[in-house]
C-alpha atoms as a PDB file:
ATOM      1  CA  MET A   1      11.138  15.448   1.882  1.00  0.00           C
ATOM      2  CA  ASN A   2      10.252  10.953   2.135  1.00  0.00           C
ATOM      3  CA  LYS A   3       6.885   9.900   1.116  1.00  0.00           C
ATOM      4  CA  VAL A   4       4.891   8.052   3.511  1.00  0.00           C
ATOM      5  CA  THR A   5       3.171   5.495   2.975  1.00  0.00           C
ATOM      6  CA  ILE A   6      -0.247   4.425   5.605  1.00  0.00           C
ATOM      7  CA  LEU A   7      -0.154   0.725   5.666  1.00  0.00           C
ATOM      8  CA  ASP A   8      -3.367  -0.896   6.738  1.00  0.00           C
ATOM      9  CA  GLY A   9      -5.110  -1.316  10.890  1.00  0.00           C
ATOM     10  CA  GLY A  10      -5.083  -4.382  12.284  1.00  0.00           C
ATOM     11  CA  MET A  11      -8.014  -6.883  10.302  1.00  0.00           C
ATOM     12  CA  GLY A  12      -8.912  -8.608  13.628  1.00  0.00           C
ATOM     13  CA  ARG A  13     -10.082  -5.616  14.953  1.00  0.00           C
ATOM     14  CA  GLU A  14     -11.650  -4.305  11.890  1.00  0.00           C
ATOM     15  CA  LEU A  15     -14.109  -7.322  11.361  1.00  0.00           C
ATOM     16  CA  LYS A  16     -15.026  -7.750  15.133  1.00  0.00           C
ATOM     17  CA  ARG A  17     -15.931  -3.735  15.138  1.00  0.00           C
ATOM     18  CA  ILE A  18     -18.534  -4.480  11.715  1.00  0.00           C
ATOM     19  CA  GLY A  19     -19.965  -7.139  12.471  1.00  0.00           C
ATOM     20  CA  ALA A  20     -18.425 -10.426  10.993  1.00  0.00           C
ATOM     21  CA  PRO A  21     -18.555 -13.267  12.454  1.00  0.00           C
ATOM     22  CA  PHE A  22     -15.963 -13.315  14.901  1.00  0.00           C
ATOM     23  CA  SER A  23     -14.438 -16.221  17.750  1.00  0.00           C
ATOM     24  CA  GLN A  24     -12.226 -17.769  18.906  1.00  0.00           C
ATOM     25  CA  PRO A  25      -9.794 -19.289  18.348  1.00  0.00           C
ATOM     26  CA  LEU A  26     -10.560 -18.645  14.436  1.00  0.00           C
ATOM     27  CA  TRP A  27     -10.446 -14.755  14.476  1.00  0.00           C
ATOM     28  CA  SER A  28     -10.151 -13.182  11.823  1.00  0.00           C
ATOM     29  CA  ALA A  29     -10.598 -16.800   9.126  1.00  0.00           C
ATOM     30  CA  GLN A  30     -14.497 -16.834  10.563  1.00  0.00           C
ATOM     31  CA  ALA A  31     -15.075 -14.222   8.742  1.00  0.00           C
ATOM     32  CA  LEU A  32     -13.436 -15.927   5.352  1.00  0.00           C
ATOM     33  CA  ILE A  33     -15.340 -18.817   5.821  1.00  0.00           C
ATOM     34  CA  GLU A  34     -18.062 -17.905   6.780  1.00  0.00           C
ATOM     35  CA  ALA A  35     -18.790 -14.502   5.732  1.00  0.00           C
ATOM     36  CA  PRO A  36     -16.226 -13.012   2.944  1.00  0.00           C
ATOM     37  CA  HIS A  37     -17.975 -10.500   1.688  1.00  0.00           C
ATOM     38  CA  PHE A  38     -17.053  -8.685   5.586  1.00  0.00           C
ATOM     39  CA  VAL A  39     -13.445  -8.948   4.849  1.00  0.00           C
ATOM     40  CA  THR A  40     -14.001  -7.071   1.480  1.00  0.00           C
ATOM     41  CA  GLN A  41     -16.215  -4.517   3.341  1.00  0.00           C
ATOM     42  CA  ALA A  42     -12.265  -4.471   5.790  1.00  0.00           C
ATOM     43  CA  HIS A  43     -10.793  -3.989   3.483  1.00  0.00           C
ATOM     44  CA  GLN A  44     -12.764  -1.041   1.398  1.00  0.00           C
ATOM     45  CA  GLY A  45     -12.947   0.537   4.902  1.00  0.00           C
ATOM     46  CA  PHE A  46      -9.634   0.960   5.322  1.00  0.00           C
ATOM     47  CA  ILE A  47      -8.847   1.954   1.724  1.00  0.00           C
ATOM     48  CA  ASP A  48     -11.467   4.380   1.913  1.00  0.00           C
ATOM     49  CA  ALA A  49      -9.440   5.708   4.752  1.00  0.00           C
ATOM     50  CA  GLY A  50      -6.201   6.162   3.293  1.00  0.00           C
ATOM     51  CA  ALA A  51      -4.506   3.011   2.960  1.00  0.00           C
ATOM     52  CA  GLU A  52      -2.134   2.418   0.118  1.00  0.00           C
ATOM     53  CA  ILE A  53      -1.255  -0.818   0.773  1.00  0.00           C
ATOM     54  CA  ILE A  54      -3.214  -3.858   2.296  1.00  0.00           C
ATOM     55  CA  THR A  55      -2.626  -6.316   3.464  1.00  0.00           C
ATOM     56  CA  ALA A  56      -4.638 -10.453   3.478  1.00  0.00           C
ATOM     57  CA  ASN A  57      -6.474 -11.466   5.976  1.00  0.00           C
ATOM     58  CA  SER A  58      -4.383 -14.582   5.951  1.00  0.00           C
ATOM     59  CA  TYR A  59      -3.341 -14.073   9.561  1.00  0.00           C
ATOM     60  CA  ALA A  60      -4.964 -16.829  11.317  1.00  0.00           C
ATOM     61  CA  CYS A  61      -4.773 -19.099   8.121  1.00  0.00           C
ATOM     62  CA  VAL A  62      -3.026 -21.837  10.507  1.00  0.00           C
ATOM     63  CA  PRO A  63      -3.479 -24.629  12.653  1.00  0.00           C
ATOM     64  CA  PHE A  64      -3.067 -22.490  15.976  1.00  0.00           C
ATOM     65  CA  HIS A  65      -6.798 -20.969  14.887  1.00  0.00           C
ATOM     66  CA  LEU A  66      -7.957 -23.512  12.432  1.00  0.00           C
ATOM     67  CA  GLY A  67      -6.664 -25.768  15.123  1.00  0.00           C
ATOM     68  CA  GLU A  68      -4.840 -28.925  12.675  1.00  0.00           C
ATOM     69  CA  GLU A  69      -8.064 -31.325  11.451  1.00  0.00           C
ATOM     70  CA  LEU A  70      -9.118 -28.028   9.463  1.00  0.00           C
ATOM     71  CA  TYR A  71      -6.092 -26.331   8.446  1.00  0.00           C
ATOM     72  CA  GLN A  72      -4.969 -29.299   6.915  1.00  0.00           C
ATOM     73  CA  ALA A  73      -8.285 -29.524   4.551  1.00  0.00           C
ATOM     74  CA  GLN A  74      -8.741 -25.788   4.119  1.00  0.00           C
ATOM     75  CA  GLY A  75      -5.756 -23.606   5.092  1.00  0.00           C
ATOM     76  CA  ALA A  76      -4.013 -23.464   2.000  1.00  0.00           C
ATOM     77  CA  ALA A  77      -7.304 -22.398   0.329  1.00  0.00           C
ATOM     78  CA  LEU A  78      -8.210 -19.886   2.594  1.00  0.00           C
ATOM     79  CA  ALA A  79      -5.187 -17.709   2.511  1.00  0.00           C
ATOM     80  CA  GLN A  80      -5.285 -18.443  -1.437  1.00  0.00           C
ATOM     81  CA  GLN A  81      -8.548 -16.770  -0.976  1.00  0.00           C
ATOM     82  CA  ALA A  82      -7.843 -13.905   1.213  1.00  0.00           C
ATOM     83  CA  ALA A  83      -5.975 -13.135  -1.026  1.00  0.00           C
ATOM     84  CA  VAL A  84      -7.496 -13.048  -3.939  1.00  0.00           C
ATOM     85  CA  ILE A  85      -9.983 -11.382  -2.144  1.00  0.00           C
ATOM     86  CA  ALA A  86      -7.551  -8.254  -0.830  1.00  0.00           C
ATOM     87  CA  LYS A  87      -6.296  -8.243  -5.153  1.00  0.00           C
ATOM     88  CA  GLU A  88     -10.421  -7.802  -6.051  1.00  0.00           C
ATOM     89  CA  VAL A  89     -10.737  -4.604  -3.965  1.00  0.00           C
ATOM     90  CA  ALA A  90      -7.379  -2.928  -4.360  1.00  0.00           C
ATOM     91  CA  GLN A  91      -7.276  -3.217  -8.585  1.00  0.00           C
ATOM     92  CA  ASN A  92     -11.496  -1.643  -8.046  1.00  0.00           C
ATOM     93  CA  ALA A  93      -9.732   1.072  -5.473  1.00  0.00           C
ATOM     94  CA  LYS A  94     -10.067   4.666  -7.325  1.00  0.00           C
ATOM     95  CA  GLN A  95      -6.142   5.127  -6.478  1.00  0.00           C
ATOM     96  CA  ASN A  96      -3.440   2.462  -6.380  1.00  0.00           C
ATOM     97  CA  VAL A  97      -2.900   0.574  -3.729  1.00  0.00           C
ATOM     98  CA  LEU A  98      -1.016  -2.272  -3.201  1.00  0.00           C
ATOM     99  CA  VAL A  99      -1.650  -6.046  -2.180  1.00  0.00           C
ATOM    100  CA  ALA A 100       0.832  -7.264   1.002  1.00  0.00           C
ATOM    101  CA  GLY A 101       0.954 -10.997   1.516  1.00  0.00           C
ATOM    102  CA  SER A 102       0.799 -12.085   5.318  1.00  0.00           C
ATOM    103  CA  LEU A 103       3.333 -14.458   6.627  1.00  0.00           C
ATOM    104  CA  PRO A 104       1.691 -14.896  10.752  1.00  0.00           C
ATOM    105  CA  PRO A 105       2.710 -16.628  13.363  1.00  0.00           C
ATOM    106  CA  ALA A 106       3.021 -20.356  12.742  1.00  0.00           C
ATOM    107  CA  PHE A 107       1.774 -21.126  16.694  1.00  0.00           C
ATOM    108  CA  GLY A 108       0.895 -17.801  17.704  1.00  0.00           C
ATOM    109  CA  SER A 109       1.468 -14.469  18.053  1.00  0.00           C
ATOM    110  CA  TYR A 110       4.069 -12.930  20.981  1.00  0.00           C
ATOM    111  CA  ARG A 111       4.749 -16.669  22.056  1.00  0.00           C
ATOM    112  CA  PRO A 112       8.163 -17.167  21.492  1.00  0.00           C
ATOM    113  CA  GLU A 113       8.692 -20.373  23.590  1.00  0.00           C
ATOM    114  CA  LEU A 114       6.324 -22.794  21.664  1.00  0.00           C
ATOM    115  CA  PHE A 115       8.267 -21.886  17.933  1.00  0.00           C
ATOM    116  CA  GLU A 116       9.343 -25.079  15.833  1.00  0.00           C
ATOM    117  CA  SER A 117      11.468 -24.107  13.103  1.00  0.00           C
ATOM    118  CA  GLU A 118      10.972 -26.539  10.930  1.00  0.00           C
ATOM    119  CA  ARG A 119       7.270 -27.191  11.427  1.00  0.00           C
ATOM    120  CA  ALA A 120       6.958 -23.839  10.885  1.00  0.00           C
ATOM    121  CA  PHE A 121       9.057 -23.352   7.351  1.00  0.00           C
ATOM    122  CA  THR A 122       6.473 -26.536   6.259  1.00  0.00           C
ATOM    123  CA  ILE A 123       3.227 -24.280   7.984  1.00  0.00           C
ATOM    124  CA  LEU A 124       4.339 -20.398   5.966  1.00  0.00           C
ATOM    125  CA  ASP A 125       6.020 -21.853   3.353  1.00  0.00           C
ATOM    126  CA  THR A 126       2.765 -23.945   2.766  1.00  0.00           C
ATOM    127  CA  LEU A 127       1.382 -19.747   3.562  1.00  0.00           C
ATOM    128  CA  TYR A 128       3.796 -18.084   0.979  1.00  0.00           C
ATOM    129  CA  LYS A 129       3.106 -20.707  -2.171  1.00  0.00           C
ATOM    130  CA  ALA A 130      -0.903 -19.562  -1.658  1.00  0.00           C
ATOM    131  CA  GLN A 131      -0.636 -16.331  -1.951  1.00  0.00           C
ATOM    132  CA  ASP A 132       2.378 -15.397  -3.937  1.00  0.00           C
ATOM    133  CA  GLU A 133       0.496 -15.303  -7.579  1.00  0.00           C
ATOM    134  CA  HIS A 134      -2.088 -12.289  -5.888  1.00  0.00           C
ATOM    135  CA  VAL A 135       0.316 -10.587  -3.658  1.00  0.00           C
ATOM    136  CA  ASP A 136       2.299  -7.700  -4.194  1.00  0.00           C
ATOM    137  CA  LEU A 137       4.663  -7.835  -1.541  1.00  0.00           C
ATOM    138  CA  TRP A 138       5.666  -9.676   1.803  1.00  0.00           C
ATOM    139  CA  ILE A 139       5.215  -8.820   5.131  1.00  0.00           C
ATOM    140  CA  GLY A 140       6.477 -10.959   8.442  1.00  0.00           C
ATOM    141  CA  GLU A 141       4.373 -10.321  10.544  1.00  0.00           C
ATOM    142  CA  THR A 142       3.873 -10.127  15.041  1.00  0.00           C
ATOM    143  CA  ILE A 143       7.824 -11.870  14.802  1.00  0.00           C
ATOM    144  CA  SER A 144       8.907 -12.935  18.460  1.00  0.00           C
ATOM    145  CA  SER A 145      11.912 -14.009  18.612  1.00  0.00           C
ATOM    146  CA  ILE A 146      15.633 -14.293  15.296  1.00  0.00           C
ATOM    147  CA  GLU A 147      14.748 -17.819  14.887  1.00  0.00           C
ATOM    148  CA  GLU A 148      11.741 -16.769  13.827  1.00  0.00           C
ATOM    149  CA  ALA A 149      12.153 -13.358  11.629  1.00  0.00           C
ATOM    150  CA  HIS A 150      15.039 -16.778  10.083  1.00  0.00           C
ATOM    151  CA  VAL A 151      12.722 -18.851   8.751  1.00  0.00           C
ATOM    152  CA  MET A 152      10.518 -16.363   7.294  1.00  0.00           C
ATOM    153  CA  ALA A 153      14.160 -14.892   5.824  1.00  0.00           C
ATOM    154  CA  SER A 154      14.137 -18.443   4.547  1.00  0.00           C
ATOM    155  CA  VAL A 155      10.698 -18.805   3.322  1.00  0.00           C
ATOM    156  CA  LEU A 156      10.959 -15.204   1.447  1.00  0.00           C
ATOM    157  CA  LYS A 157      14.237 -16.283   0.167  1.00  0.00           C
ATOM    158  CA  GLY A 158      13.386 -16.858  -3.485  1.00  0.00           C
ATOM    159  CA  SER A 159      10.340 -14.069  -3.388  1.00  0.00           C
ATOM    160  CA  ASN A 160      11.575 -11.253  -6.317  1.00  0.00           C
ATOM    161  CA  LYS A 161       8.698  -9.286  -4.154  1.00  0.00           C
ATOM    162  CA  PRO A 162      10.006  -7.026  -2.062  1.00  0.00           C
ATOM    163  CA  CYS A 163       9.826  -7.998   2.087  1.00  0.00           C
ATOM    164  CA  TYR A 164       9.801  -6.014   5.228  1.00  0.00           C
ATOM    165  CA  TYR A 165       9.486  -7.863   8.467  1.00  0.00           C
ATOM    166  CA  ALA A 166       8.676  -7.071  11.775  1.00  0.00           C
ATOM    167  CA  PHE A 167       8.895  -7.173  15.299  1.00  0.00           C
ATOM    168  CA  THR A 168       6.954  -7.490  18.519  1.00  0.00           C
ATOM    169  CA  LEU A 169       8.659  -5.829  21.136  1.00  0.00           C
ATOM    170  CA  THR A 170       8.436  -6.328  25.044  1.00  0.00           C
ATOM    171  CA  ASP A 171       5.473  -4.039  26.732  1.00  0.00           C
ATOM    172  CA  ALA A 172       8.126  -3.105  29.971  1.00  0.00           C
ATOM    173  CA  ILE A 173      10.219  -0.717  29.930  1.00  0.00           C
ATOM    174  CA  SER A 174      14.234  -1.382  29.911  1.00  0.00           C
ATOM    175  CA  GLU A 175      17.101   0.776  29.103  1.00  0.00           C
ATOM    176  CA  GLN A 176      17.665  -1.656  25.878  1.00  0.00           C
ATOM    177  CA  ALA A 177      14.617  -2.922  23.220  1.00  0.00           C
ATOM    178  CA  THR A 178      14.110  -6.891  23.431  1.00  0.00           C
ATOM    179  CA  LEU A 179      12.164  -8.176  21.293  1.00  0.00           C
ATOM    180  CA  ARG A 180       9.423 -10.372  23.015  1.00  0.00           C
ATOM    181  CA  SER A 181      12.207 -13.636  22.771  1.00  0.00           C
ATOM    182  CA  GLY A 182      14.501 -10.971  25.369  1.00  0.00           C
ATOM    183  CA  GLU A 183      16.281 -10.891  22.602  1.00  0.00           C
ATOM    184  CA  LEU A 184      18.055  -7.177  22.130  1.00  0.00           C
ATOM    185  CA  VAL A 185      16.440  -6.053  18.667  1.00  0.00           C
ATOM    186  CA  SER A 186      19.767  -4.391  17.574  1.00  0.00           C
ATOM    187  CA  ASP A 187      21.434  -8.561  17.212  1.00  0.00           C
ATOM    188  CA  ALA A 188      17.744  -8.671  15.569  1.00  0.00           C
ATOM    189  CA  VAL A 189      18.010  -6.384  12.944  1.00  0.00           C
ATOM    190  CA  THR A 190      22.290  -7.408  12.547  1.00  0.00           C
ATOM    191  CA  ALA A 191      20.037 -10.647  11.287  1.00  0.00           C
ATOM    192  CA  LEU A 192      18.133 -10.462   8.680  1.00  0.00           C
ATOM    193  CA  LEU A 193      20.595  -7.340   6.984  1.00  0.00           C
ATOM    194  CA  GLN A 194      21.799 -10.325   5.686  1.00  0.00           C
ATOM    195  CA  GLN A 195      18.648 -10.917   3.739  1.00  0.00           C
ATOM    196  CA  ASN A 196      16.343 -10.432   1.100  1.00  0.00           C
ATOM    197  CA  VAL A 197      14.766  -7.059   2.742  1.00  0.00           C
ATOM    198  CA  ALA A 198      13.067  -3.708   1.650  1.00  0.00           C
ATOM    199  CA  GLY A 199      12.738  -2.344   5.300  1.00  0.00           C
ATOM    200  CA  ILE A 200      11.892  -3.303   9.197  1.00  0.00           C
ATOM    201  CA  PHE A 201       8.828  -2.360  11.239  1.00  0.00           C
ATOM    202  CA  PHE A 202       8.798  -2.354  14.488  1.00  0.00           C
ATOM    203  CA  ASN A 203       5.061  -2.474  17.057  1.00  0.00           C
END
């Protein structure tokens, strides 16, 4: 029987649930900026619930959430802080816990029509370099198109750590499963098989 690995849950929703400062557009980055102890608390809560992998709270460390000015000034530092916090919590856990670095959507979740490859590479490469020293593996999160997956794979191509890619699917039920972009899941998987990929997820 294959071993089941338990990941953490959604950081934004958990931060909101436990009373962390939380508003749009900053989303989960607001706690990182104003009250990072809530980020520690959220990670610990996931570990206490059985999580064996926790994800750095860097999902909102992009211009879409921070705004261009704050991103340029603090984006990389906030992403690094997110990874450091996660690593510290993992190292203090009673059981073995791994930290996943997060490569989030650069231009907002579920918005493939907003994607710009060159700009996305620059943003995601910045987040990659900020987190890499402190993480054990990588997750490309909420990927809406094959183009977005290719850019994430380009950022991660030099990594010697396990790299996982998580696609987000359309909500509508149809005969063939598709990404938010309308592209077939089968084509997305085929495109990634040429890359450094340890696993593929769907949500």
